[in-house]
Amino acid sequence: MTKLILGISAAVLVLGWMLAPPPALAGDAAAGADVFKKECSECHTTKQGRNKKGPSLFGIVGRKAASIPDFNYSDALRGRTDWVWTADKLHWYLSQPVKQANPGTKMKYDGLDDPKALDDLITYLGTNH
């Protein structure tokens, strides 16, 4: 009987873990909107279906790289078929010069070296869906 109860308890814990929502991002979305305006808005927008020099970043968190059909991505980014823009991937990508992160990209960005601003930005991007 004890083994059955332990087995059921373990199954409930695993199921709860599997159904739990993803962890919230640590930054401040309102501050991230300001970071976006300063760092990104010249080339990108967060409006769905609207591209500028760069693709729309609407729904970027969780999206596959180079996946907006009507945007002309660089071969370097189109070749990253295994990339999904998770919060971790965006943090890695935007914390360094993008030409270093993805040689051959068209994007010109030297990276954001302020960890708080980067967390805020990624949190903000995560709210656009």
Protein backbone atom coordinates (compact mmCIF):
# COMPACT_ATOMS: atom_id res chain seq x y z
CA MET A 1 0.00 0.00 0.00
CA THR A 2 2.84 2.40 0.87
CA LYS A 3 4.51 1.75 -2.51
CA LEU A 4 1.24 2.52 -4.29
CA ILE A 5 0.83 5.82 -2.42
CA LEU A 6 4.45 6.78 -3.12
CA GLY A 7 4.02 5.90 -6.79
CA ILE A 8 0.85 7.99 -7.08
CA SER A 9 2.49 10.90 -5.23
CA ALA A 10 5.47 10.81 -7.58
CA ALA A 11 3.19 10.71 -10.62
CA VAL A 12 1.21 13.70 -9.34
CA LEU A 13 4.44 15.66 -8.75
CA VAL A 14 5.73 14.89 -12.26
CA LEU A 15 2.39 15.77 -13.84
CA GLY A 16 2.27 19.05 -11.89
CA TRP A 17 5.79 19.89 -13.05
CA MET A 18 4.91 19.11 -16.67
CA LEU A 19 1.77 21.28 -16.59
CA ALA A 20 3.29 24.21 -14.69
CA PRO A 21 3.59 27.47 -16.63
CA PRO A 22 7.08 28.50 -17.71
CA PRO A 23 8.95 30.58 -15.14
CA ALA A 24 8.38 34.31 -15.32
CA LEU A 25 11.21 36.41 -16.64
CA ALA A 26 13.07 38.40 -14.00
CA GLY A 27 13.04 41.83 -15.59
CA ASP A 28 10.70 44.81 -15.52
CA ALA A 29 8.60 44.96 -18.70
CA ALA A 30 7.88 48.70 -18.38
CA ALA A 31 11.60 49.45 -18.10
CA GLY A 32 12.17 47.02 -20.98
CA ALA A 33 9.84 49.06 -23.20
CA ASP A 34 12.16 52.03 -22.65
CA VAL A 35 15.21 49.87 -23.45
CA PHE A 36 13.48 48.67 -26.62
CA LYS A 37 12.73 52.24 -27.68
CA LYS A 38 16.36 53.27 -27.14
CA GLU A 39 18.17 50.15 -28.39
CA CYS A 40 15.92 48.45 -30.94
CA SER A 41 13.14 50.63 -32.33
CA GLU A 42 15.19 52.20 -35.11
CA CYS A 43 15.22 48.83 -36.89
CA HIS A 44 12.48 46.76 -35.22
CA THR A 45 8.88 47.09 -34.08
CA THR A 46 6.77 44.99 -31.74
CA LYS A 47 3.70 45.41 -33.93
CA GLN A 48 2.45 42.18 -35.45
CA GLY A 49 2.89 41.95 -39.21
CA ARG A 50 4.95 45.14 -39.50
CA ASN A 51 8.62 44.91 -40.41
CA LYS A 52 11.15 47.69 -40.60
CA LYS A 53 14.84 47.25 -41.52
CA GLY A 54 14.62 44.29 -39.18
CA PRO A 55 11.72 41.90 -38.70
CA SER A 56 8.87 42.51 -36.28
CA LEU A 57 9.71 41.28 -32.79
CA PHE A 58 6.06 40.62 -31.97
CA GLY A 59 5.92 37.14 -30.44
CA ILE A 60 9.70 36.72 -30.66
CA VAL A 61 10.05 34.74 -27.42
CA GLY A 62 9.41 31.13 -28.38
CA ARG A 63 9.56 31.73 -32.13
CA LYS A 64 11.95 29.96 -34.49
CA ALA A 65 14.69 32.15 -35.93
CA ALA A 66 14.09 33.51 -39.44
CA SER A 67 10.46 32.39 -39.43
CA ILE A 68 8.53 35.47 -40.59
CA PRO A 69 7.59 34.52 -44.16
CA ASP A 70 7.64 38.01 -45.69
CA PHE A 71 11.00 39.13 -44.30
CA ASN A 72 14.28 38.80 -46.21
CA TYR A 73 16.61 37.33 -43.60
CA SER A 74 20.34 36.89 -44.13
CA ASP A 75 21.56 33.48 -45.20
CA ALA A 76 23.44 33.37 -41.90
CA LEU A 77 20.21 33.55 -39.91
CA ARG A 78 18.16 31.39 -42.28
CA GLY A 79 20.83 28.73 -41.76
CA ARG A 80 20.10 28.64 -38.01
CA THR A 81 17.22 26.19 -38.38
CA ASP A 82 17.81 24.89 -34.85
CA TRP A 83 17.50 28.31 -33.17
CA VAL A 84 14.41 29.19 -31.18
CA TRP A 85 14.32 32.62 -29.60
CA THR A 86 13.97 31.61 -25.97
CA ALA A 87 14.75 34.10 -23.22
CA ASP A 88 18.13 32.37 -22.76
CA LYS A 89 18.93 32.49 -26.49
CA LEU A 90 17.97 36.17 -26.71
CA HIS A 91 20.10 36.94 -23.65
CA TRP A 92 23.11 35.19 -25.22
CA TYR A 93 22.54 36.79 -28.63
CA LEU A 94 21.98 40.35 -27.45
CA SER A 95 24.72 40.41 -24.81
CA GLN A 96 27.46 40.41 -27.45
CA PRO A 97 28.04 41.88 -30.89
CA VAL A 98 25.62 40.03 -33.16
CA LYS A 99 28.29 39.70 -35.84
CA GLN A 100 30.13 37.55 -33.28
CA ALA A 101 27.02 35.58 -32.29
CA ASN A 102 26.00 34.97 -35.91
CA PRO A 103 28.74 35.77 -38.43
CA GLY A 104 27.31 36.92 -41.75
CA THR A 105 24.17 38.47 -40.29
CA LYS A 106 22.81 41.72 -41.69
CA MET A 107 22.02 43.01 -38.20
CA LYS A 108 24.30 45.70 -36.85
CA TYR A 109 24.28 45.69 -33.05
CA ASP A 110 27.18 45.79 -30.63
CA GLY A 111 25.28 44.12 -27.81
CA LEU A 112 23.79 45.30 -24.56
CA ASP A 113 26.27 44.98 -21.70
CA ASP A 114 23.94 46.12 -18.89
CA PRO A 115 22.51 42.88 -17.38
CA LYS A 116 19.47 44.61 -15.81
CA ALA A 117 18.58 46.43 -19.03
CA LEU A 118 18.96 43.17 -20.95
CA ASP A 119 16.66 41.32 -18.52
CA ASP A 120 14.15 44.16 -18.74
CA LEU A 121 14.26 44.11 -22.54
CA ILE A 122 13.77 40.37 -22.78
CA THR A 123 10.93 40.52 -20.26
CA TYR A 124 9.29 43.24 -22.36
CA LEU A 125 9.71 41.19 -25.53
CA GLY A 126 8.12 38.24 -23.74
CA THR A 127 4.96 40.28 -23.14
CA ASN A 128 4.40 40.92 -26.86
CA HIS A 129 2.29 38.06 -28.13
